[in-house]
Amino acid sequence: LQNVKASIEELGRLKHELKFKSVQIGTFINGRNLSDEEFVPFFKKAEELGMFVFLHPLIVNDNELTRNYHLSNLVGNPVQTTIAITNLMFSGIFDLAPNLKIGLAHGGGFLPYQLGRMQHGYQVRNDTKSKAKKTPVEYVKKNVYFDGLTHSQGALKFLVEEFGSDKVMFGTDYPYDMAEYDQTEKIKALGISKKMKNQILFENAEEFF
């Protein structure tokens, strides 16, 4: 994405030549937010091609506040994802590309559990609605999807109850040390219907990937 024109050409090659249905990108580009106007053509092309765009945070170790205790991953990764998707929502990208579908790693970062805060901010702050025509909740409901990698049965249950089994897909972070190897058991223990479990276990991923 440092070269947007080349990225757009690659989207076309992936779609038409290799028959891919999705791509994965980072949460920022050379220190710039994904909501930067330069990247708008990339997202509009992804929407045009029906490409699912999955966001995964980048490894960053240059922040003194998160240098110790693996905080660059434990805290930094969810923060990066949250910053990326909220910037996209408030920038109005989903108004320019209304059918764009964005997937979020690690259970959506902190977004699912602070979406009410984003919603409140939209209602009381003029700057949050200077570009976006709809509320954060509306964008999430239509355009945003999550993997189920929460490392917590309660958090996974909340994610599914709050957004629906059609919005959550299986994710493990395999083969890294932060992987969750018992997600299948967590999903099966949710107390939801077999149809809903199958959506999360494989059907949603089949549709997008």
Protein backbone atom coordinates (compact mmCIF):
# COMPACT_ATOMS: atom_id res chain seq x y z
CA LEU A 1 0.00 0.00 0.00
CA GLN A 2 3.03 2.32 -0.05
CA ASN A 3 2.17 2.36 -3.77
CA VAL A 4 -1.61 2.60 -4.04
CA LYS A 5 -1.66 2.27 -7.83
CA ALA A 6 0.34 -0.97 -7.65
CA SER A 7 -1.87 -2.23 -4.81
CA ILE A 8 -4.99 -1.66 -6.89
CA GLU A 9 -3.43 -3.54 -9.82
CA GLU A 10 -2.54 -6.39 -7.46
CA LEU A 11 -6.13 -6.53 -6.19
CA GLY A 12 -7.26 -7.11 -9.76
CA ARG A 13 -4.65 -9.81 -10.34
CA LEU A 14 -5.59 -11.58 -7.11
CA LYS A 15 -9.27 -11.50 -7.98
CA HIS A 16 -9.18 -12.42 -11.67
CA GLU A 17 -6.00 -14.45 -12.12
CA LEU A 18 -5.60 -16.19 -8.77
CA LYS A 19 -9.32 -16.22 -7.86
CA PHE A 20 -8.76 -14.87 -4.36
CA LYS A 21 -11.74 -13.44 -2.48
CA SER A 22 -9.84 -11.64 0.26
CA VAL A 23 -6.65 -9.81 1.21
CA GLN A 24 -4.91 -9.04 4.47
CA ILE A 25 -3.32 -5.67 5.18
CA GLY A 26 -1.74 -3.95 8.17
CA THR A 27 -3.39 -1.40 10.43
CA PHE A 28 -1.36 1.59 9.20
CA ILE A 29 1.00 2.40 6.33
CA ASN A 30 4.37 3.97 7.16
CA GLY A 31 2.87 5.66 10.20
CA ARG A 32 -0.22 6.88 8.33
CA ASN A 33 -3.79 5.88 9.12
CA LEU A 34 -5.72 3.71 6.68
CA SER A 35 -8.27 6.52 6.55
CA ASP A 36 -5.79 8.78 4.73
CA GLU A 37 -7.39 10.04 1.51
CA GLU A 38 -4.56 8.49 -0.51
CA PHE A 39 -5.81 5.00 0.36
CA VAL A 40 -9.47 5.61 -0.52
CA PRO A 41 -9.06 4.28 -4.10
CA PHE A 42 -7.73 0.99 -2.69
CA PHE A 43 -10.80 0.45 -0.53
CA LYS A 44 -13.17 1.50 -3.30
CA LYS A 45 -11.49 -1.01 -5.64
CA ALA A 46 -11.74 -3.74 -2.99
CA GLU A 47 -15.46 -3.02 -2.73
CA GLU A 48 -15.86 -3.04 -6.50
CA LEU A 49 -14.16 -6.43 -6.74
CA GLY A 50 -16.02 -7.84 -3.73
CA MET A 51 -12.75 -8.44 -1.89
CA PHE A 52 -12.94 -8.99 1.87
CA VAL A 53 -10.18 -6.93 3.58
CA PHE A 54 -8.80 -8.41 6.80
CA LEU A 55 -6.83 -6.11 9.11
CA HIS A 56 -3.98 -7.49 11.20
CA PRO A 57 -1.83 -5.21 13.38
CA LEU A 58 1.85 -4.73 12.68
CA ILE A 59 4.70 -5.46 15.07
CA VAL A 60 5.80 -2.19 16.67
CA ASN A 61 8.43 -2.00 19.42
CA ASP A 62 9.39 1.69 19.34
CA ASN A 63 7.01 2.86 22.07
CA GLU A 64 8.65 3.12 25.48
CA LEU A 65 5.31 2.60 27.21
CA THR A 66 4.85 -0.88 25.69
CA ARG A 67 8.45 -2.02 25.36
CA ASN A 68 8.38 -4.38 28.36
CA TYR A 69 6.39 -7.50 29.17
CA HIS A 70 5.36 -8.13 25.54
CA LEU A 71 2.92 -5.21 25.85
CA SER A 72 3.58 -4.25 22.23
CA ASN A 73 1.59 -7.39 21.40
CA LEU A 74 -0.70 -7.85 24.41
CA VAL A 75 -1.92 -4.25 24.42
CA GLY A 76 -0.44 -2.74 21.25
CA ASN A 77 -2.09 -5.13 18.81
CA PRO A 78 -5.67 -4.59 20.04
CA VAL A 79 -5.03 -0.84 20.24
CA GLN A 80 -3.75 -0.73 16.66
CA THR A 81 -6.79 -2.59 15.37
CA THR A 82 -9.14 -0.30 17.28
CA ILE A 83 -7.46 2.85 16.00
CA ALA A 84 -7.52 1.58 12.42
CA ILE A 85 -11.20 0.65 12.29
CA THR A 86 -12.44 3.74 14.18
CA ASN A 87 -10.44 5.98 11.84
CA LEU A 88 -12.04 4.24 8.87
CA MET A 89 -15.53 4.65 10.32
CA PHE A 90 -15.19 8.31 11.27
CA SER A 91 -13.48 9.14 7.96
CA GLY A 92 -16.61 8.18 6.02
CA ILE A 93 -14.91 5.41 4.01
CA PHE A 94 -18.02 3.25 4.35
CA ASP A 95 -20.08 6.01 2.75
CA LEU A 96 -17.72 6.08 -0.22
CA ALA A 97 -17.62 2.27 -0.37
CA PRO A 98 -20.89 1.20 1.29
CA ASN A 99 -20.50 -2.51 0.55
CA LEU A 100 -16.89 -2.77 1.71
CA LYS A 101 -16.40 -5.59 4.21
CA ILE A 102 -13.60 -5.29 6.79
CA GLY A 103 -12.47 -8.12 9.10
CA LEU A 104 -10.70 -7.51 12.41
CA ALA A 105 -8.18 -9.79 14.10
CA HIS A 106 -8.07 -10.69 17.80
CA GLY A 107 -11.77 -10.35 18.45
CA GLY A 108 -11.84 -6.84 17.00
CA GLY A 109 -9.31 -5.35 19.39
CA PHE A 110 -11.06 -3.14 21.93
CA LEU A 111 -13.77 -2.00 19.52
CA PRO A 112 -16.56 -4.45 20.49
CA TYR A 113 -16.28 -3.56 24.15
CA GLN A 114 -15.96 0.22 23.63
CA LEU A 115 -18.36 0.65 20.71
CA GLY A 116 -20.81 2.41 23.02
CA ARG A 117 -18.11 4.98 23.75
CA MET A 118 -17.55 5.55 20.01
CA GLN A 119 -21.33 5.87 19.54
CA HIS A 120 -21.57 8.41 22.35
CA GLY A 121 -18.64 10.36 20.93
CA TYR A 122 -20.39 10.51 17.56
CA GLN A 123 -23.49 11.93 19.18
CA VAL A 124 -21.81 14.64 21.28
CA ARG A 125 -18.74 15.63 19.24
CA ASN A 126 -18.91 17.59 15.99
CA ASP A 127 -15.51 16.39 14.76
CA THR A 128 -16.55 12.72 14.88
CA LYS A 129 -19.40 13.33 12.45
CA SER A 130 -17.70 15.85 10.18
CA LYS A 131 -17.22 13.18 7.49
CA ALA A 132 -19.23 10.11 8.53
CA LYS A 133 -22.89 10.09 7.54
CA LYS A 134 -23.83 7.21 9.83
CA THR A 135 -23.08 6.17 13.40
CA PRO A 136 -20.33 3.70 14.39
CA VAL A 137 -22.96 1.13 15.37
CA GLU A 138 -24.52 1.33 11.90
CA TYR A 139 -21.17 0.83 10.18
CA VAL A 140 -20.22 -2.11 12.40
CA LYS A 141 -23.59 -3.73 11.82
CA LYS A 142 -23.18 -3.61 8.04
CA ASN A 143 -19.46 -3.53 7.25
CA VAL A 144 -17.36 -5.00 10.07
CA TYR A 145 -16.58 -8.63 10.98
CA PHE A 146 -14.53 -10.26 13.71
CA ASP A 147 -12.45 -13.33 14.31
CA GLY A 148 -13.16 -15.13 17.58
CA LEU A 149 -9.67 -14.94 19.07
CA THR A 150 -10.48 -13.40 22.44
CA HIS A 151 -8.68 -15.82 24.83
CA SER A 152 -11.81 -15.64 26.96
CA GLN A 153 -15.03 -17.63 26.96
CA GLY A 154 -16.93 -14.64 28.32
CA ALA A 155 -15.55 -12.23 25.73
CA LEU A 156 -16.34 -14.65 22.90
CA LYS A 157 -19.88 -15.08 24.24
CA PHE A 158 -20.30 -11.29 24.37
CA LEU A 159 -18.96 -10.92 20.81
CA VAL A 160 -21.47 -13.42 19.42
CA GLU A 161 -24.40 -12.15 21.47
CA GLU A 162 -23.69 -8.52 20.64
CA PHE A 163 -23.01 -8.84 16.89
CA GLY A 164 -24.39 -12.22 15.83
CA SER A 165 -22.95 -15.55 14.74
CA ASP A 166 -22.84 -14.35 11.13
CA LYS A 167 -20.29 -11.68 12.11
CA VAL A 168 -17.75 -13.88 13.93
CA MET A 169 -15.39 -16.42 12.39
CA PHE A 170 -12.92 -18.96 13.64
CA GLY A 171 -9.44 -17.61 14.38
CA THR A 172 -6.47 -19.00 16.30
CA ASP A 173 -3.27 -16.96 15.67
CA TYR A 174 -1.61 -20.30 14.91
CA PRO A 175 1.33 -21.04 15.10
CA TYR A 176 2.46 -18.22 17.40
CA ASP A 177 2.83 -18.34 21.18
CA MET A 178 -0.25 -16.12 21.46
CA ALA A 179 -2.35 -18.70 19.63
CA GLU A 180 -5.58 -20.04 21.13
CA TYR A 181 -5.68 -23.77 20.55
CA ASP A 182 -9.01 -24.47 22.29
CA GLN A 183 -11.24 -22.11 20.34
CA THR A 184 -13.25 -25.00 18.91
CA GLU A 185 -14.17 -26.04 22.44
CA LYS A 186 -15.01 -22.44 23.38
CA ILE A 187 -17.35 -22.13 20.40
CA LYS A 188 -19.05 -25.44 21.10
CA ALA A 189 -19.59 -24.38 24.72
CA LEU A 190 -21.40 -21.15 23.82
CA GLY A 191 -24.87 -22.62 24.26
CA ILE A 192 -26.02 -21.56 20.80
CA SER A 193 -27.67 -23.55 18.02
CA LYS A 194 -25.73 -25.94 15.79
CA LYS A 195 -26.38 -23.64 12.84
CA MET A 196 -24.82 -20.70 14.67
CA LYS A 197 -21.84 -22.79 15.77
CA ASN A 198 -21.24 -23.94 12.19
CA GLN A 199 -21.31 -20.34 11.00
CA ILE A 200 -18.50 -19.46 13.38
CA LEU A 201 -16.54 -22.70 12.99
CA PHE A 202 -16.32 -22.69 9.20
CA GLU A 203 -19.22 -21.27 7.17
CA ASN A 204 -18.35 -17.59 7.60
CA ALA A 205 -14.71 -18.20 6.74
CA GLU A 206 -15.73 -20.23 3.69
CA GLU A 207 -17.84 -17.32 2.48
CA PHE A 208 -15.14 -14.69 2.89
CA PHE A 209 -11.99 -16.62 2.00
